[in-house]
Amino acid sequence: MNLQLRPAVISFLALSLLTGIAYPLVITGLARLVFPRQAAGSLITKDGRVLGSEWIGQSFCSPGEFWGRPSATVDTAGKPLPYNAANSGASNLAPSNPALGKLVQERIAILRAADPQAADPVPVDLVTASGSGLDPHISPAAAEFQIPRVARARGLEIGKVRALVAAHTEGRQLGCLGEPRVNVLNLNLALADLR
């Protein structure tokens, strides 16, 4: 039995050291060397203060800010906690589920109450959560829908806010992957700088 146990234990220890310590250290070191900003979390800082990450959404609810996608994340007790990066996940409600339909109608009502003058259809990404619940981006249509409300709340010209959205609209990756998108945190920070 000792003939079988000793090689198994040695293999276990060697593979644990290799895959549990050496490999993560090498990959982390390479990442910090080749992609230092991304390896550090793509943090957005201003005046030496970390404001957030480029890849994790934040909750904005002021009429003078652009709002991101709804977040379905929860805390450890299962209570809603928007953009909880420690517990990402979707609501897992099917499109045919009446609870999802009710939730979408409630979100539409909130958007309409925030801007009663908005007559255009509400873009789908403003009323449905992403798969992770942490999506930091909205579609250009979702940003366009919010421009009149934001401009009125801040006392800015619509054209100026529209130009800001256009300047912060990211194209498809490599020209063909994904869809155009707007990072809500970056857009709101640029909006704050307009003052």
C-alpha atoms as a PDB file:
ATOM      1  CA  MET A   1       0.000   0.000   0.000  1.00  0.00           C
ATOM      2  CA  ASN A   2       2.910   2.329   0.792  1.00  0.00           C
ATOM      3  CA  LEU A   3       4.101   1.826  -2.807  1.00  0.00           C
ATOM      4  CA  GLN A   4       0.847   3.350  -4.066  1.00  0.00           C
ATOM      5  CA  LEU A   5       0.315   5.982  -1.408  1.00  0.00           C
ATOM      6  CA  ARG A   6       3.715   7.665  -1.594  1.00  0.00           C
ATOM      7  CA  PRO A   7       3.594   8.482  -5.367  1.00  0.00           C
ATOM      8  CA  ALA A   8      -0.019   9.688  -4.987  1.00  0.00           C
ATOM      9  CA  VAL A   9       0.880  12.064  -2.145  1.00  0.00           C
ATOM     10  CA  ILE A  10       3.984  13.336  -3.970  1.00  0.00           C
ATOM     11  CA  SER A  11       1.959  13.878  -7.159  1.00  0.00           C
ATOM     12  CA  PHE A  12      -0.755  15.659  -5.190  1.00  0.00           C
ATOM     13  CA  LEU A  13       1.752  17.989  -3.519  1.00  0.00           C
ATOM     14  CA  ALA A  14       3.657  18.663  -6.743  1.00  0.00           C
ATOM     15  CA  LEU A  15       0.509  19.441  -8.717  1.00  0.00           C
ATOM     16  CA  SER A  16      -0.835  21.583  -5.877  1.00  0.00           C
ATOM     17  CA  LEU A  17       2.361  23.648  -5.871  1.00  0.00           C
ATOM     18  CA  LEU A  18       2.405  23.863  -9.661  1.00  0.00           C
ATOM     19  CA  THR A  19      -1.257  24.689 -10.296  1.00  0.00           C
ATOM     20  CA  GLY A  20      -2.102  26.365  -6.993  1.00  0.00           C
ATOM     21  CA  ILE A  21       0.947  28.559  -6.482  1.00  0.00           C
ATOM     22  CA  ALA A  22       3.431  28.645  -9.390  1.00  0.00           C
ATOM     23  CA  TYR A  23       0.954  28.997 -12.257  1.00  0.00           C
ATOM     24  CA  PRO A  24      -1.146  31.787 -10.626  1.00  0.00           C
ATOM     25  CA  LEU A  25       2.023  33.696  -9.687  1.00  0.00           C
ATOM     26  CA  VAL A  26       3.435  33.477 -13.208  1.00  0.00           C
ATOM     27  CA  ILE A  27       0.149  34.488 -14.868  1.00  0.00           C
ATOM     28  CA  THR A  28      -0.406  37.353 -12.409  1.00  0.00           C
ATOM     29  CA  GLY A  29       3.161  38.562 -12.945  1.00  0.00           C
ATOM     30  CA  LEU A  30       2.786  38.440 -16.736  1.00  0.00           C
ATOM     31  CA  ALA A  31      -0.552  40.216 -16.575  1.00  0.00           C
ATOM     32  CA  ARG A  32       0.886  43.004 -14.415  1.00  0.00           C
ATOM     33  CA  LEU A  33       3.820  43.333 -16.755  1.00  0.00           C
ATOM     34  CA  VAL A  34       1.916  43.274 -20.061  1.00  0.00           C
ATOM     35  CA  PHE A  35      -1.466  44.744 -18.992  1.00  0.00           C
ATOM     36  CA  PRO A  36      -0.822  46.650 -15.729  1.00  0.00           C
ATOM     37  CA  ARG A  37      -4.028  48.735 -15.766  1.00  0.00           C
ATOM     38  CA  GLN A  38      -6.306  45.797 -16.552  1.00  0.00           C
ATOM     39  CA  ALA A  39      -4.577  43.524 -14.043  1.00  0.00           C
ATOM     40  CA  ALA A  40      -5.251  46.135 -11.358  1.00  0.00           C
ATOM     41  CA  GLY A  41      -8.986  46.112 -12.131  1.00  0.00           C
ATOM     42  CA  SER A  42      -9.206  48.917 -14.740  1.00  0.00           C
ATOM     43  CA  LEU A  43      -9.824  51.376 -11.938  1.00  0.00           C
ATOM     44  CA  ILE A  44     -10.986  54.896 -12.717  1.00  0.00           C
ATOM     45  CA  THR A  45      -9.333  57.468 -10.458  1.00  0.00           C
ATOM     46  CA  LYS A  46      -9.739  61.204 -10.113  1.00  0.00           C
ATOM     47  CA  ASP A  47      -7.604  63.398  -7.880  1.00  0.00           C
ATOM     48  CA  GLY A  48      -5.996  60.264  -6.405  1.00  0.00           C
ATOM     49  CA  ARG A  49      -9.372  58.800  -5.394  1.00  0.00           C
ATOM     50  CA  VAL A  50     -10.739  55.560  -6.859  1.00  0.00           C
ATOM     51  CA  LEU A  51     -14.215  56.197  -8.267  1.00  0.00           C
ATOM     52  CA  GLY A  52     -14.919  52.745  -9.627  1.00  0.00           C
ATOM     53  CA  SER A  53     -13.936  50.198 -12.218  1.00  0.00           C
ATOM     54  CA  GLU A  54     -14.421  50.505 -15.939  1.00  0.00           C
ATOM     55  CA  TRP A  55     -15.882  46.985 -15.943  1.00  0.00           C
ATOM     56  CA  ILE A  56     -18.343  47.077 -13.017  1.00  0.00           C
ATOM     57  CA  GLY A  57     -21.492  49.181 -13.202  1.00  0.00           C
ATOM     58  CA  GLN A  58     -22.599  51.568 -10.498  1.00  0.00           C
ATOM     59  CA  SER A  59     -25.988  52.681  -9.325  1.00  0.00           C
ATOM     60  CA  PHE A  60     -26.921  56.163 -10.566  1.00  0.00           C
ATOM     61  CA  CYS A  61     -30.387  57.529  -9.807  1.00  0.00           C
ATOM     62  CA  SER A  62     -30.158  61.335  -9.933  1.00  0.00           C
ATOM     63  CA  PRO A  63     -32.156  62.948 -12.780  1.00  0.00           C
ATOM     64  CA  GLY A  64     -28.957  64.763 -13.793  1.00  0.00           C
ATOM     65  CA  GLU A  65     -27.031  61.522 -14.366  1.00  0.00           C
ATOM     66  CA  PHE A  66     -27.227  58.820 -16.972  1.00  0.00           C
ATOM     67  CA  TRP A  67     -28.607  55.589 -15.546  1.00  0.00           C
ATOM     68  CA  GLY A  68     -27.147  52.181 -16.310  1.00  0.00           C
ATOM     69  CA  ARG A  69     -28.809  48.841 -16.784  1.00  0.00           C
ATOM     70  CA  PRO A  70     -30.776  47.494 -13.854  1.00  0.00           C
ATOM     71  CA  SER A  71     -28.819  45.129 -11.651  1.00  0.00           C
ATOM     72  CA  ALA A  72     -30.208  41.836 -10.381  1.00  0.00           C
ATOM     73  CA  THR A  73     -27.418  41.237  -7.874  1.00  0.00           C
ATOM     74  CA  VAL A  74     -28.191  40.462  -4.245  1.00  0.00           C
ATOM     75  CA  ASP A  75     -26.396  40.408  -0.900  1.00  0.00           C
ATOM     76  CA  THR A  76     -25.564  37.241   1.029  1.00  0.00           C
ATOM     77  CA  ALA A  77     -29.052  37.205   2.556  1.00  0.00           C
ATOM     78  CA  GLY A  78     -30.711  37.340  -0.875  1.00  0.00           C
ATOM     79  CA  LYS A  79     -31.869  40.959  -0.626  1.00  0.00           C
ATOM     80  CA  PRO A  80     -31.371  43.199  -3.681  1.00  0.00           C
ATOM     81  CA  LEU A  81     -28.041  45.006  -3.649  1.00  0.00           C
ATOM     82  CA  PRO A  82     -27.382  46.648  -7.039  1.00  0.00           C
ATOM     83  CA  TYR A  83     -23.985  46.096  -8.636  1.00  0.00           C
ATOM     84  CA  ASN A  84     -22.730  43.808  -5.879  1.00  0.00           C
ATOM     85  CA  ALA A  85     -19.501  42.570  -7.451  1.00  0.00           C
ATOM     86  CA  ALA A  86     -19.087  39.984  -4.691  1.00  0.00           C
ATOM     87  CA  ASN A  87     -22.282  38.205  -5.724  1.00  0.00           C
ATOM     88  CA  SER A  88     -22.917  38.736  -9.414  1.00  0.00           C
ATOM     89  CA  GLY A  89     -25.694  36.960 -11.199  1.00  0.00           C
ATOM     90  CA  ALA A  90     -28.878  37.324 -13.168  1.00  0.00           C
ATOM     91  CA  SER A  91     -32.488  37.098 -12.072  1.00  0.00           C
ATOM     92  CA  ASN A  92     -32.870  33.934 -14.180  1.00  0.00           C
ATOM     93  CA  LEU A  93     -36.447  34.931 -15.043  1.00  0.00           C
ATOM     94  CA  ALA A  94     -37.498  33.580 -18.429  1.00  0.00           C
ATOM     95  CA  PRO A  95     -39.016  35.983 -20.977  1.00  0.00           C
ATOM     96  CA  SER A  96     -42.318  34.149 -20.528  1.00  0.00           C
ATOM     97  CA  ASN A  97     -42.283  34.620 -16.733  1.00  0.00           C
ATOM     98  CA  PRO A  98     -44.992  37.077 -15.576  1.00  0.00           C
ATOM     99  CA  ALA A  99     -42.672  38.297 -12.805  1.00  0.00           C
ATOM    100  CA  LEU A 100     -40.218  39.567 -15.428  1.00  0.00           C
ATOM    101  CA  GLY A 101     -43.016  41.336 -17.291  1.00  0.00           C
ATOM    102  CA  LYS A 102     -44.136  43.008 -14.060  1.00  0.00           C
ATOM    103  CA  LEU A 103     -40.573  44.032 -13.227  1.00  0.00           C
ATOM    104  CA  VAL A 104     -40.074  45.529 -16.686  1.00  0.00           C
ATOM    105  CA  GLN A 105     -43.345  47.493 -16.408  1.00  0.00           C
ATOM    106  CA  GLU A 106     -42.244  48.859 -13.013  1.00  0.00           C
ATOM    107  CA  ARG A 107     -38.916  49.947 -14.482  1.00  0.00           C
ATOM    108  CA  ILE A 108     -40.652  51.622 -17.428  1.00  0.00           C
ATOM    109  CA  ALA A 109     -42.905  53.475 -14.981  1.00  0.00           C
ATOM    110  CA  ILE A 110     -39.839  54.744 -13.076  1.00  0.00           C
ATOM    111  CA  LEU A 111     -38.236  55.993 -16.301  1.00  0.00           C
ATOM    112  CA  ARG A 112     -41.484  57.669 -17.418  1.00  0.00           C
ATOM    113  CA  ALA A 113     -41.913  59.313 -14.001  1.00  0.00           C
ATOM    114  CA  ALA A 114     -38.343  60.647 -14.159  1.00  0.00           C
ATOM    115  CA  ASP A 115     -39.026  62.157 -17.606  1.00  0.00           C
ATOM    116  CA  PRO A 116     -42.757  62.518 -18.344  1.00  0.00           C
ATOM    117  CA  GLN A 117     -41.961  64.303 -21.609  1.00  0.00           C
ATOM    118  CA  ALA A 118     -40.203  61.253 -23.075  1.00  0.00           C
ATOM    119  CA  ALA A 119     -42.464  59.766 -25.727  1.00  0.00           C
ATOM    120  CA  ASP A 120     -40.017  57.409 -27.430  1.00  0.00           C
ATOM    121  CA  PRO A 121     -40.087  53.689 -26.648  1.00  0.00           C
ATOM    122  CA  VAL A 122     -37.853  52.768 -23.716  1.00  0.00           C
ATOM    123  CA  PRO A 123     -34.733  50.879 -24.885  1.00  0.00           C
ATOM    124  CA  VAL A 124     -34.716  47.300 -23.646  1.00  0.00           C
ATOM    125  CA  ASP A 125     -31.366  47.588 -21.868  1.00  0.00           C
ATOM    126  CA  LEU A 126     -32.781  50.225 -19.497  1.00  0.00           C
ATOM    127  CA  VAL A 127     -35.415  47.806 -18.197  1.00  0.00           C
ATOM    128  CA  THR A 128     -33.646  44.416 -18.241  1.00  0.00           C
ATOM    129  CA  ALA A 129     -30.628  43.308 -16.247  1.00  0.00           C
ATOM    130  CA  SER A 130     -27.569  41.751 -17.842  1.00  0.00           C
ATOM    131  CA  GLY A 131     -26.439  38.190 -17.188  1.00  0.00           C
ATOM    132  CA  SER A 132     -23.937  39.284 -14.548  1.00  0.00           C
ATOM    133  CA  GLY A 133     -25.952  42.158 -13.106  1.00  0.00           C
ATOM    134  CA  LEU A 134     -22.760  44.224 -13.258  1.00  0.00           C
ATOM    135  CA  ASP A 135     -22.867  45.594 -16.808  1.00  0.00           C
ATOM    136  CA  PRO A 136     -21.193  49.038 -16.894  1.00  0.00           C
ATOM    137  CA  HIS A 137     -22.431  49.849 -20.405  1.00  0.00           C
ATOM    138  CA  ILE A 138     -25.675  50.913 -22.048  1.00  0.00           C
ATOM    139  CA  SER A 139     -26.512  51.094 -25.718  1.00  0.00           C
ATOM    140  CA  PRO A 140     -26.262  54.409 -27.581  1.00  0.00           C
ATOM    141  CA  ALA A 141     -30.088  54.269 -27.868  1.00  0.00           C
ATOM    142  CA  ALA A 142     -30.392  54.051 -24.066  1.00  0.00           C
ATOM    143  CA  ALA A 143     -28.089  57.044 -23.676  1.00  0.00           C
ATOM    144  CA  GLU A 144     -30.028  58.968 -26.353  1.00  0.00           C
ATOM    145  CA  PHE A 145     -33.306  58.254 -24.542  1.00  0.00           C
ATOM    146  CA  GLN A 146     -31.922  59.886 -21.392  1.00  0.00           C
ATOM    147  CA  ILE A 147     -30.359  62.993 -22.989  1.00  0.00           C
ATOM    148  CA  PRO A 148     -33.392  65.327 -22.598  1.00  0.00           C
ATOM    149  CA  ARG A 149     -33.848  64.448 -18.907  1.00  0.00           C
ATOM    150  CA  VAL A 150     -30.156  64.898 -18.106  1.00  0.00           C
ATOM    151  CA  ALA A 151     -29.903  68.156 -20.079  1.00  0.00           C
ATOM    152  CA  ARG A 152     -32.964  69.633 -18.317  1.00  0.00           C
ATOM    153  CA  ALA A 153     -31.787  68.554 -14.861  1.00  0.00           C
ATOM    154  CA  ARG A 154     -28.341  70.091 -15.392  1.00  0.00           C
ATOM    155  CA  GLY A 155     -29.504  73.152 -17.310  1.00  0.00           C
ATOM    156  CA  LEU A 156     -27.422  72.207 -20.352  1.00  0.00           C
ATOM    157  CA  GLU A 157     -28.180  72.414 -24.060  1.00  0.00           C
ATOM    158  CA  ILE A 158     -29.366  69.108 -25.513  1.00  0.00           C
ATOM    159  CA  GLY A 159     -26.806  69.416 -28.311  1.00  0.00           C
ATOM    160  CA  LYS A 160     -23.970  69.678 -25.826  1.00  0.00           C
ATOM    161  CA  VAL A 161     -25.089  66.559 -23.948  1.00  0.00           C
ATOM    162  CA  ARG A 162     -25.661  64.705 -27.238  1.00  0.00           C
ATOM    163  CA  ALA A 163     -22.106  65.565 -28.348  1.00  0.00           C
ATOM    164  CA  LEU A 164     -20.784  64.255 -25.034  1.00  0.00           C
ATOM    165  CA  VAL A 165     -22.641  60.960 -25.534  1.00  0.00           C
ATOM    166  CA  ALA A 166     -21.272  60.691 -29.078  1.00  0.00           C
ATOM    167  CA  ALA A 167     -17.730  61.306 -27.804  1.00  0.00           C
ATOM    168  CA  HIS A 168     -18.151  58.506 -25.228  1.00  0.00           C
ATOM    169  CA  THR A 169     -19.724  55.953 -27.551  1.00  0.00           C
ATOM    170  CA  GLU A 170     -17.344  53.045 -28.060  1.00  0.00           C
ATOM    171  CA  GLY A 171     -17.477  51.162 -31.352  1.00  0.00           C
ATOM    172  CA  ARG A 172     -17.396  47.439 -31.973  1.00  0.00           C
ATOM    173  CA  GLN A 173     -14.238  45.678 -30.821  1.00  0.00           C
ATOM    174  CA  LEU A 174     -11.903  45.067 -33.745  1.00  0.00           C
ATOM    175  CA  GLY A 175     -14.586  46.664 -35.914  1.00  0.00           C
ATOM    176  CA  CYS A 176     -16.841  43.606 -35.902  1.00  0.00           C
ATOM    177  CA  LEU A 177     -17.290  42.160 -32.398  1.00  0.00           C
ATOM    178  CA  GLY A 178     -20.144  43.184 -30.126  1.00  0.00           C
ATOM    179  CA  GLU A 179     -22.288  46.271 -30.393  1.00  0.00           C
ATOM    180  CA  PRO A 180     -21.574  49.971 -29.911  1.00  0.00           C
ATOM    181  CA  ARG A 181     -21.834  50.910 -26.229  1.00  0.00           C
ATOM    182  CA  VAL A 182     -21.467  53.738 -23.732  1.00  0.00           C
ATOM    183  CA  ASN A 183     -19.699  53.339 -20.382  1.00  0.00           C
ATOM    184  CA  VAL A 184     -22.066  55.008 -17.895  1.00  0.00           C
ATOM    185  CA  LEU A 185     -19.449  55.864 -15.266  1.00  0.00           C
ATOM    186  CA  ASN A 186     -17.111  57.490 -17.790  1.00  0.00           C
ATOM    187  CA  LEU A 187     -20.024  59.413 -19.314  1.00  0.00           C
ATOM    188  CA  ASN A 188     -21.224  60.690 -15.932  1.00  0.00           C
ATOM    189  CA  LEU A 189     -17.691  61.733 -14.966  1.00  0.00           C
ATOM    190  CA  ALA A 190     -17.352  63.677 -18.221  1.00  0.00           C
ATOM    191  CA  LEU A 191     -20.775  65.200 -17.572  1.00  0.00           C
ATOM    192  CA  ALA A 192     -19.628  66.352 -14.132  1.00  0.00           C
ATOM    193  CA  ASP A 193     -16.573  67.970 -15.748  1.00  0.00           C
ATOM    194  CA  LEU A 194     -18.829  70.096 -17.986  1.00  0.00           C
ATOM    195  CA  ARG A 195     -19.601  72.330 -15.018  1.00  0.00           C
END
